[in-house]
């Protein structure tokens, strides 16, 4: 291999594609991998009420807050499963 002094050829640059298969610009790549604030089975409380429950699902989006499926007992005693944004819940 001409012009290369190492024992192996140089590695290709890593490229990331979005869900539609479109190349993501290098400056945007650091934002692709989201981290979840809450883990599955974690106990959380709704920020605007005293209702609390368990995280049973999570969803991440490219242009929106992470969402969590929470199973909890509503104030009227019913069992409820509903999606809440990351800012609408807090650690129990």
C-alpha atoms as a PDB file:
ATOM      1  CA  UNK A   1       0.000   0.000   0.000  1.00  0.00           C
ATOM      2  CA  UNK A   2       1.606   3.206  -1.138  1.00  0.00           C
ATOM      3  CA  UNK A   3       1.662   6.284   1.121  1.00  0.00           C
ATOM      4  CA  UNK A   4       0.841   4.380   4.314  1.00  0.00           C
ATOM      5  CA  UNK A   5       3.570   3.452   6.793  1.00  0.00           C
ATOM      6  CA  UNK A   6       1.580   1.346   9.296  1.00  0.00           C
ATOM      7  CA  UNK A   7       0.946  -2.399   9.202  1.00  0.00           C
ATOM      8  CA  UNK A   8      -2.795  -1.914   8.599  1.00  0.00           C
ATOM      9  CA  UNK A   9      -4.715   0.415   6.311  1.00  0.00           C
ATOM     10  CA  UNK A  10      -6.334   3.411   8.068  1.00  0.00           C
ATOM     11  CA  UNK A  11      -9.814   2.815   9.449  1.00  0.00           C
ATOM     12  CA  UNK A  12     -12.694   4.473   7.621  1.00  0.00           C
ATOM     13  CA  UNK A  13     -14.464   7.346   9.361  1.00  0.00           C
ATOM     14  CA  UNK A  14     -17.598   6.282  11.226  1.00  0.00           C
ATOM     15  CA  UNK A  15     -20.769   7.536   9.604  1.00  0.00           C
ATOM     16  CA  UNK A  16     -24.188   7.478  11.191  1.00  0.00           C
ATOM     17  CA  UNK A  17     -27.489   7.282   9.360  1.00  0.00           C
ATOM     18  CA  UNK A  18     -30.853   8.453  10.661  1.00  0.00           C
ATOM     19  CA  UNK A  19     -33.984   6.274  10.662  1.00  0.00           C
ATOM     20  CA  UNK A  20     -34.624   7.121   7.003  1.00  0.00           C
ATOM     21  CA  UNK A  21     -31.072   6.125   6.031  1.00  0.00           C
ATOM     22  CA  UNK A  22     -29.903   9.713   5.495  1.00  0.00           C
ATOM     23  CA  UNK A  23     -26.303  10.498   6.453  1.00  0.00           C
ATOM     24  CA  UNK A  24     -26.145  12.544   9.653  1.00  0.00           C
ATOM     25  CA  UNK A  25     -23.736  15.487   9.556  1.00  0.00           C
ATOM     26  CA  UNK A  26     -20.739  14.995  11.883  1.00  0.00           C
ATOM     27  CA  UNK A  27     -21.687  17.991  14.049  1.00  0.00           C
ATOM     28  CA  UNK A  28     -25.115  16.454  14.729  1.00  0.00           C
ATOM     29  CA  UNK A  29     -23.871  12.935  15.526  1.00  0.00           C
ATOM     30  CA  UNK A  30     -23.190  13.680  19.190  1.00  0.00           C
ATOM     31  CA  UNK A  31     -26.923  14.333  19.674  1.00  0.00           C
ATOM     32  CA  UNK A  32     -28.105  11.047  18.162  1.00  0.00           C
ATOM     33  CA  UNK A  33     -27.626   8.829  21.191  1.00  0.00           C
ATOM     34  CA  UNK A  34     -29.969   9.857  23.954  1.00  0.00           C
ATOM     35  CA  UNK A  35     -29.650   8.808  27.548  1.00  0.00           C
ATOM     36  CA  UNK A  36     -32.653   8.031  29.670  1.00  0.00           C
ATOM     37  CA  UNK A  37     -32.991   9.766  33.025  1.00  0.00           C
ATOM     38  CA  UNK A  38     -35.098   6.921  34.456  1.00  0.00           C
ATOM     39  CA  UNK A  39     -34.559   3.156  34.204  1.00  0.00           C
ATOM     40  CA  UNK A  40     -37.143   0.430  33.691  1.00  0.00           C
ATOM     41  CA  UNK A  41     -38.825  -0.702  36.928  1.00  0.00           C
ATOM     42  CA  UNK A  42     -37.836   2.561  38.656  1.00  0.00           C
ATOM     43  CA  UNK A  43     -40.380   4.122  41.001  1.00  0.00           C
ATOM     44  CA  UNK A  44     -41.342   7.677  39.975  1.00  0.00           C
ATOM     45  CA  UNK A  45     -43.854  10.319  41.017  1.00  0.00           C
ATOM     46  CA  UNK A  46     -45.837  12.622  38.762  1.00  0.00           C
ATOM     47  CA  UNK A  47     -44.542  16.159  39.343  1.00  0.00           C
ATOM     48  CA  UNK A  48     -47.975  17.827  39.525  1.00  0.00           C
ATOM     49  CA  UNK A  49     -49.671  15.265  41.794  1.00  0.00           C
ATOM     50  CA  UNK A  50     -48.979  12.776  44.555  1.00  0.00           C
ATOM     51  CA  UNK A  51     -49.541   9.818  42.209  1.00  0.00           C
ATOM     52  CA  UNK A  52     -46.569   7.503  41.837  1.00  0.00           C
ATOM     53  CA  UNK A  53     -45.796   4.314  39.986  1.00  0.00           C
ATOM     54  CA  UNK A  54     -43.304   2.263  38.032  1.00  0.00           C
ATOM     55  CA  UNK A  55     -41.565   2.929  34.704  1.00  0.00           C
ATOM     56  CA  UNK A  56     -42.621   0.026  32.455  1.00  0.00           C
ATOM     57  CA  UNK A  57     -41.584   1.450  29.079  1.00  0.00           C
ATOM     58  CA  UNK A  58     -39.458   4.164  27.480  1.00  0.00           C
ATOM     59  CA  UNK A  59     -39.411   5.952  24.136  1.00  0.00           C
ATOM     60  CA  UNK A  60     -36.851   8.290  22.640  1.00  0.00           C
ATOM     61  CA  UNK A  61     -37.316  10.698  19.767  1.00  0.00           C
ATOM     62  CA  UNK A  62     -34.962  12.740  17.641  1.00  0.00           C
ATOM     63  CA  UNK A  63     -36.767  16.060  18.155  1.00  0.00           C
ATOM     64  CA  UNK A  64     -38.757  15.645  21.388  1.00  0.00           C
ATOM     65  CA  UNK A  65     -38.304  14.805  25.062  1.00  0.00           C
ATOM     66  CA  UNK A  66     -37.935  11.192  26.125  1.00  0.00           C
ATOM     67  CA  UNK A  67     -41.245   9.628  27.162  1.00  0.00           C
ATOM     68  CA  UNK A  68     -41.945   7.008  29.813  1.00  0.00           C
ATOM     69  CA  UNK A  69     -44.822   4.577  30.145  1.00  0.00           C
ATOM     70  CA  UNK A  70     -45.789   4.685  33.811  1.00  0.00           C
ATOM     71  CA  UNK A  71     -48.050   2.170  35.552  1.00  0.00           C
ATOM     72  CA  UNK A  72     -49.599   3.774  38.617  1.00  0.00           C
ATOM     73  CA  UNK A  73     -52.693   3.977  40.774  1.00  0.00           C
ATOM     74  CA  UNK A  74     -54.690   7.124  40.032  1.00  0.00           C
ATOM     75  CA  UNK A  75     -56.066   9.276  42.852  1.00  0.00           C
ATOM     76  CA  UNK A  76     -59.504   7.666  42.358  1.00  0.00           C
ATOM     77  CA  UNK A  77     -58.059   4.160  42.848  1.00  0.00           C
ATOM     78  CA  UNK A  78     -57.970   3.011  39.202  1.00  0.00           C
ATOM     79  CA  UNK A  79     -54.878   1.284  37.802  1.00  0.00           C
ATOM     80  CA  UNK A  80     -53.544   3.434  34.974  1.00  0.00           C
ATOM     81  CA  UNK A  81     -50.853   3.088  32.328  1.00  0.00           C
ATOM     82  CA  UNK A  82     -49.994   6.306  30.541  1.00  0.00           C
ATOM     83  CA  UNK A  83     -47.115   8.008  28.726  1.00  0.00           C
ATOM     84  CA  UNK A  84     -45.446  10.988  30.423  1.00  0.00           C
ATOM     85  CA  UNK A  85     -42.587  13.231  29.311  1.00  0.00           C
ATOM     86  CA  UNK A  86     -39.337  13.219  31.234  1.00  0.00           C
ATOM     87  CA  UNK A  87     -40.148  16.626  32.751  1.00  0.00           C
ATOM     88  CA  UNK A  88     -43.549  15.439  34.044  1.00  0.00           C
ATOM     89  CA  UNK A  89     -42.083  12.804  36.372  1.00  0.00           C
ATOM     90  CA  UNK A  90     -39.491  12.723  39.131  1.00  0.00           C
ATOM     91  CA  UNK A  91     -37.722  10.113  41.252  1.00  0.00           C
ATOM     92  CA  UNK A  92     -40.013   8.739  43.976  1.00  0.00           C
END
